[in-house]
N, C-alpha and C. Protein backbone atom coordinates (compact mmCIF):
# COMPACT_ATOMS: atom_id res chain seq x y z
N MET A 1 -83.13 -61.49 97.75
CA MET A 1 -83.10 -60.06 98.00
C MET A 1 -82.14 -59.40 97.01
N ALA A 2 -82.55 -58.32 96.41
CA ALA A 2 -81.72 -57.61 95.43
C ALA A 2 -80.64 -56.81 96.15
N GLU A 3 -79.49 -56.79 95.52
CA GLU A 3 -78.38 -56.03 96.08
C GLU A 3 -78.59 -54.54 95.83
N ASP A 4 -78.32 -53.74 96.85
CA ASP A 4 -78.45 -52.29 96.72
C ASP A 4 -77.26 -51.75 95.94
N THR A 5 -77.51 -51.21 94.75
CA THR A 5 -76.43 -50.72 93.91
C THR A 5 -76.34 -49.21 93.89
N THR A 6 -77.05 -48.54 94.78
CA THR A 6 -76.97 -47.09 94.81
C THR A 6 -75.62 -46.67 95.36
N ARG A 7 -75.13 -45.59 94.84
CA ARG A 7 -73.84 -45.06 95.27
C ARG A 7 -74.05 -43.71 95.93
N GLY A 8 -73.17 -43.43 96.84
CA GLY A 8 -73.15 -42.11 97.43
C GLY A 8 -72.35 -41.17 96.54
N LEU A 9 -72.30 -39.93 96.94
CA LEU A 9 -71.58 -38.92 96.16
C LEU A 9 -70.11 -39.27 96.00
N ILE A 10 -69.47 -39.67 97.08
CA ILE A 10 -68.04 -39.96 97.02
C ILE A 10 -67.76 -41.14 96.09
N GLU A 11 -68.55 -42.21 96.23
CA GLU A 11 -68.34 -43.36 95.36
C GLU A 11 -68.57 -43.02 93.89
N ALA A 12 -69.57 -42.20 93.62
CA ALA A 12 -69.84 -41.78 92.25
C ALA A 12 -68.69 -40.94 91.70
N MET A 13 -68.18 -40.03 92.51
CA MET A 13 -67.04 -39.21 92.07
C MET A 13 -65.83 -40.08 91.78
N GLN A 14 -65.56 -41.05 92.65
CA GLN A 14 -64.41 -41.93 92.44
C GLN A 14 -64.58 -42.78 91.19
N ALA A 15 -65.80 -43.22 90.91
CA ALA A 15 -66.04 -44.03 89.71
C ALA A 15 -65.85 -43.22 88.44
N VAL A 16 -66.26 -41.96 88.47
CA VAL A 16 -66.18 -41.13 87.28
C VAL A 16 -64.79 -40.53 87.09
N MET A 17 -64.21 -40.01 88.16
CA MET A 17 -62.97 -39.25 88.04
C MET A 17 -61.74 -39.97 88.59
N GLY A 18 -61.93 -40.97 89.41
CA GLY A 18 -60.80 -41.65 90.03
C GLY A 18 -60.55 -41.12 91.43
N GLY A 19 -59.80 -41.88 92.18
CA GLY A 19 -59.55 -41.54 93.58
C GLY A 19 -58.70 -40.31 93.79
N ALA A 20 -57.66 -40.14 92.95
CA ALA A 20 -56.76 -39.01 93.13
C ALA A 20 -57.46 -37.68 92.90
N VAL A 21 -58.25 -37.61 91.84
CA VAL A 21 -58.97 -36.37 91.55
C VAL A 21 -60.01 -36.09 92.64
N THR A 22 -60.68 -37.15 93.10
CA THR A 22 -61.66 -36.98 94.18
C THR A 22 -60.98 -36.46 95.43
N THR A 23 -59.80 -36.97 95.73
CA THR A 23 -59.05 -36.50 96.90
C THR A 23 -58.70 -35.03 96.77
N LEU A 24 -58.22 -34.63 95.60
CA LEU A 24 -57.87 -33.22 95.40
C LEU A 24 -59.10 -32.31 95.46
N ILE A 25 -60.21 -32.77 94.92
CA ILE A 25 -61.44 -31.98 94.99
C ILE A 25 -61.89 -31.83 96.44
N SER A 26 -61.81 -32.90 97.22
CA SER A 26 -62.23 -32.80 98.62
C SER A 26 -61.30 -31.89 99.41
N ALA A 27 -60.00 -31.93 99.11
CA ALA A 27 -59.07 -31.01 99.78
C ALA A 27 -59.37 -29.56 99.38
N GLY A 28 -59.64 -29.34 98.11
CA GLY A 28 -60.01 -27.99 97.66
C GLY A 28 -61.29 -27.51 98.31
N ALA A 29 -62.26 -28.42 98.45
CA ALA A 29 -63.52 -28.04 99.11
C ALA A 29 -63.29 -27.69 100.57
N GLY A 30 -62.42 -28.44 101.23
CA GLY A 30 -62.11 -28.14 102.64
C GLY A 30 -61.47 -26.77 102.78
N ARG A 31 -60.51 -26.45 101.93
CA ARG A 31 -59.86 -25.14 102.00
C ARG A 31 -60.83 -24.03 101.61
N LEU A 32 -61.72 -24.30 100.65
CA LEU A 32 -62.70 -23.30 100.25
C LEU A 32 -63.68 -23.01 101.40
N MET A 33 -64.04 -24.04 102.15
CA MET A 33 -64.90 -23.82 103.32
C MET A 33 -64.20 -22.93 104.35
N PHE A 34 -62.90 -23.20 104.59
CA PHE A 34 -62.15 -22.37 105.51
C PHE A 34 -62.05 -20.94 105.00
N HIS A 35 -61.73 -20.79 103.72
CA HIS A 35 -61.60 -19.46 103.12
C HIS A 35 -62.93 -18.70 103.20
N SER A 36 -64.02 -19.39 102.94
CA SER A 36 -65.34 -18.75 103.01
C SER A 36 -65.66 -18.27 104.41
N ALA A 37 -65.26 -19.05 105.42
CA ALA A 37 -65.48 -18.63 106.81
C ALA A 37 -64.66 -17.37 107.11
N GLU A 38 -63.45 -17.30 106.58
CA GLU A 38 -62.62 -16.11 106.77
C GLU A 38 -63.24 -14.89 106.07
N VAL A 39 -63.82 -15.11 104.90
CA VAL A 39 -64.48 -14.02 104.17
C VAL A 39 -65.69 -13.53 104.96
N ARG A 40 -66.50 -14.46 105.48
CA ARG A 40 -67.67 -14.08 106.28
C ARG A 40 -67.27 -13.30 107.53
N ALA A 41 -66.13 -13.65 108.10
CA ALA A 41 -65.65 -12.95 109.30
C ALA A 41 -64.95 -11.64 108.94
N ARG A 42 -64.91 -11.32 107.66
CA ARG A 42 -64.30 -10.08 107.14
C ARG A 42 -62.80 -9.98 107.42
N ARG A 43 -62.14 -11.14 107.47
CA ARG A 43 -60.68 -11.15 107.62
C ARG A 43 -59.98 -11.26 106.27
N ARG A 44 -60.77 -11.59 105.22
CA ARG A 44 -60.23 -11.73 103.87
C ARG A 44 -61.26 -11.26 102.86
N LYS A 45 -60.75 -10.93 101.67
CA LYS A 45 -61.62 -10.70 100.51
C LYS A 45 -61.79 -12.04 99.81
N PHE A 46 -62.94 -12.24 99.16
CA PHE A 46 -63.17 -13.53 98.52
C PHE A 46 -62.15 -13.81 97.42
N LEU A 47 -61.85 -12.82 96.61
CA LEU A 47 -60.87 -13.00 95.53
C LEU A 47 -59.57 -12.27 95.84
N GLY A 48 -59.13 -12.36 97.07
CA GLY A 48 -57.89 -11.70 97.48
C GLY A 48 -56.67 -12.55 97.20
N PRO A 49 -55.50 -11.99 97.44
CA PRO A 49 -54.25 -12.71 97.17
C PRO A 49 -54.06 -13.94 98.07
N GLU A 50 -54.75 -14.00 99.20
CA GLU A 50 -54.62 -15.15 100.10
C GLU A 50 -55.11 -16.43 99.45
N LEU A 51 -56.02 -16.29 98.50
CA LEU A 51 -56.60 -17.44 97.83
C LEU A 51 -55.54 -18.26 97.09
N VAL A 52 -54.50 -17.60 96.60
CA VAL A 52 -53.42 -18.30 95.89
C VAL A 52 -52.70 -19.27 96.83
N TRP A 53 -52.52 -18.88 98.08
CA TRP A 53 -51.81 -19.73 99.03
C TRP A 53 -52.63 -20.93 99.49
N GLU A 54 -53.91 -20.93 99.21
CA GLU A 54 -54.75 -22.06 99.59
C GLU A 54 -54.49 -23.29 98.72
N VAL A 55 -54.00 -23.09 97.51
CA VAL A 55 -53.77 -24.22 96.60
C VAL A 55 -52.68 -25.16 97.13
N PRO A 56 -51.48 -24.67 97.45
CA PRO A 56 -50.47 -25.61 97.98
C PRO A 56 -50.87 -26.20 99.33
N ILE A 57 -51.61 -25.45 100.13
CA ILE A 57 -52.08 -26.00 101.40
C ILE A 57 -53.04 -27.16 101.14
N ALA A 58 -53.95 -26.99 100.18
CA ALA A 58 -54.90 -28.05 99.85
C ALA A 58 -54.18 -29.29 99.36
N VAL A 59 -53.20 -29.13 98.48
CA VAL A 59 -52.46 -30.28 97.96
C VAL A 59 -51.67 -30.95 99.08
N GLY A 60 -51.00 -30.17 99.89
CA GLY A 60 -50.24 -30.74 101.01
C GLY A 60 -51.12 -31.48 101.99
N MET A 61 -52.26 -30.92 102.32
CA MET A 61 -53.16 -31.57 103.27
C MET A 61 -53.79 -32.82 102.64
N ALA A 62 -53.96 -32.83 101.31
CA ALA A 62 -54.45 -34.04 100.63
C ALA A 62 -53.44 -35.17 100.78
N ILE A 63 -52.16 -34.85 100.61
CA ILE A 63 -51.12 -35.86 100.76
C ILE A 63 -51.07 -36.38 102.19
N ILE A 64 -51.13 -35.46 103.15
CA ILE A 64 -51.12 -35.86 104.55
C ILE A 64 -52.35 -36.69 104.89
N GLY A 65 -53.51 -36.26 104.41
CA GLY A 65 -54.74 -36.99 104.68
C GLY A 65 -54.73 -38.39 104.10
N GLU A 66 -54.19 -38.54 102.90
CA GLU A 66 -54.08 -39.87 102.30
C GLU A 66 -53.13 -40.75 103.12
N ALA A 67 -52.04 -40.18 103.59
CA ALA A 67 -51.08 -40.95 104.38
C ALA A 67 -51.69 -41.39 105.71
N VAL A 68 -52.37 -40.48 106.38
CA VAL A 68 -53.01 -40.81 107.65
C VAL A 68 -54.09 -41.87 107.44
N SER A 69 -54.89 -41.71 106.41
CA SER A 69 -55.95 -42.68 106.12
C SER A 69 -55.39 -44.05 105.77
N GLY A 70 -54.31 -44.06 105.02
CA GLY A 70 -53.66 -45.33 104.69
C GLY A 70 -53.10 -46.01 105.92
N TYR A 71 -52.53 -45.23 106.81
CA TYR A 71 -51.97 -45.78 108.05
C TYR A 71 -53.05 -46.47 108.87
N PHE A 72 -54.22 -45.86 108.95
CA PHE A 72 -55.31 -46.43 109.73
C PHE A 72 -56.18 -47.41 108.93
N GLY A 73 -55.88 -47.61 107.65
CA GLY A 73 -56.61 -48.55 106.82
C GLY A 73 -58.06 -48.19 106.58
N LEU A 74 -58.33 -46.92 106.37
CA LEU A 74 -59.70 -46.45 106.19
C LEU A 74 -60.21 -46.74 104.78
N SER A 75 -61.51 -46.84 104.64
CA SER A 75 -62.12 -47.08 103.34
C SER A 75 -61.98 -45.83 102.46
N PRO A 76 -62.12 -45.98 101.14
CA PRO A 76 -61.97 -44.82 100.25
C PRO A 76 -62.92 -43.66 100.57
N ALA A 77 -64.16 -43.96 100.93
CA ALA A 77 -65.10 -42.88 101.25
C ALA A 77 -64.68 -42.14 102.51
N VAL A 78 -64.21 -42.87 103.50
CA VAL A 78 -63.77 -42.24 104.74
C VAL A 78 -62.48 -41.46 104.51
N ARG A 79 -61.61 -41.98 103.64
CA ARG A 79 -60.38 -41.25 103.30
C ARG A 79 -60.72 -39.86 102.75
N THR A 80 -61.70 -39.81 101.88
CA THR A 80 -62.09 -38.53 101.28
C THR A 80 -62.56 -37.56 102.35
N GLY A 81 -63.32 -38.04 103.30
CA GLY A 81 -63.78 -37.19 104.40
C GLY A 81 -62.64 -36.72 105.27
N VAL A 82 -61.69 -37.62 105.56
CA VAL A 82 -60.53 -37.24 106.38
C VAL A 82 -59.73 -36.16 105.67
N VAL A 83 -59.55 -36.31 104.37
CA VAL A 83 -58.81 -35.30 103.60
C VAL A 83 -59.51 -33.95 103.67
N ALA A 84 -60.84 -33.94 103.50
CA ALA A 84 -61.58 -32.68 103.55
C ALA A 84 -61.47 -32.02 104.92
N VAL A 85 -61.57 -32.82 105.98
CA VAL A 85 -61.48 -32.27 107.34
C VAL A 85 -60.09 -31.72 107.60
N LEU A 86 -59.06 -32.48 107.24
CA LEU A 86 -57.69 -31.99 107.45
C LEU A 86 -57.40 -30.75 106.61
N ALA A 87 -57.92 -30.71 105.38
CA ALA A 87 -57.72 -29.53 104.55
C ALA A 87 -58.41 -28.31 105.16
N TYR A 88 -59.60 -28.52 105.70
CA TYR A 88 -60.30 -27.43 106.37
C TYR A 88 -59.49 -26.93 107.57
N MET A 89 -58.96 -27.85 108.35
CA MET A 89 -58.19 -27.49 109.53
C MET A 89 -56.88 -26.80 109.15
N GLY A 90 -56.27 -27.23 108.06
CA GLY A 90 -55.01 -26.67 107.63
C GLY A 90 -53.86 -27.14 108.49
N PRO A 91 -52.66 -26.68 108.18
CA PRO A 91 -51.48 -27.14 108.92
C PRO A 91 -51.53 -26.79 110.41
N ARG A 92 -52.02 -25.62 110.74
CA ARG A 92 -52.06 -25.24 112.16
C ARG A 92 -53.07 -26.07 112.94
N GLY A 93 -54.21 -26.31 112.34
CA GLY A 93 -55.22 -27.14 113.00
C GLY A 93 -54.75 -28.57 113.17
N ALA A 94 -54.09 -29.11 112.14
CA ALA A 94 -53.56 -30.47 112.23
C ALA A 94 -52.47 -30.54 113.30
N GLN A 95 -51.65 -29.52 113.39
CA GLN A 95 -50.61 -29.48 114.41
C GLN A 95 -51.23 -29.46 115.80
N ALA A 96 -52.25 -28.65 116.00
CA ALA A 96 -52.92 -28.58 117.30
C ALA A 96 -53.54 -29.93 117.67
N LEU A 97 -54.13 -30.61 116.68
CA LEU A 97 -54.72 -31.92 116.93
C LEU A 97 -53.65 -32.94 117.31
N LEU A 98 -52.54 -32.94 116.59
CA LEU A 98 -51.47 -33.88 116.91
C LEU A 98 -50.85 -33.59 118.28
N MET A 99 -50.67 -32.33 118.59
CA MET A 99 -50.11 -31.99 119.90
C MET A 99 -51.03 -32.44 121.02
N ARG A 100 -52.32 -32.35 120.80
CA ARG A 100 -53.27 -32.80 121.80
C ARG A 100 -53.15 -34.31 122.03
N PHE A 101 -53.03 -35.06 120.93
CA PHE A 101 -52.86 -36.50 121.06
C PHE A 101 -51.55 -36.86 121.74
N PHE A 102 -50.47 -36.18 121.36
CA PHE A 102 -49.18 -36.49 121.96
C PHE A 102 -49.15 -36.17 123.44
N LYS A 103 -49.77 -35.08 123.84
CA LYS A 103 -49.81 -34.72 125.26
C LYS A 103 -50.61 -35.70 126.08
N GLN A 104 -51.67 -36.27 125.46
CA GLN A 104 -52.48 -37.25 126.17
C GLN A 104 -51.91 -38.64 126.06
N GLY A 105 -50.94 -38.84 125.20
CA GLY A 105 -50.32 -40.15 125.02
C GLY A 105 -51.18 -41.12 124.24
N ASP A 106 -52.10 -40.62 123.42
CA ASP A 106 -52.99 -41.49 122.66
C ASP A 106 -52.30 -42.11 121.45
N LEU A 107 -51.23 -41.50 120.95
CA LEU A 107 -50.57 -42.06 119.77
C LEU A 107 -49.42 -42.88 120.18
């Protein structure tokens, strides 16, 4: 039987650009999805000054996402997804998620 050598998008990105760049792109995509939702809800302009603050949030959430993924020993593709989700949630969303776990005693 021949081995399946097809790659998914994440694996292809990591092969071409490396893991760090893929992580930053996924964090940027997560923040862009959040920003776009805010624009659709008419709480922000698409090219408003708030967009500048999304950059450090994306980088910070990428670092946090990599740390969390490393702690749980996740595969590189899953790490990228975790980073994108955490970047979308942002610091407040991540805080709410952690508080929920701590209150339930799951961690």
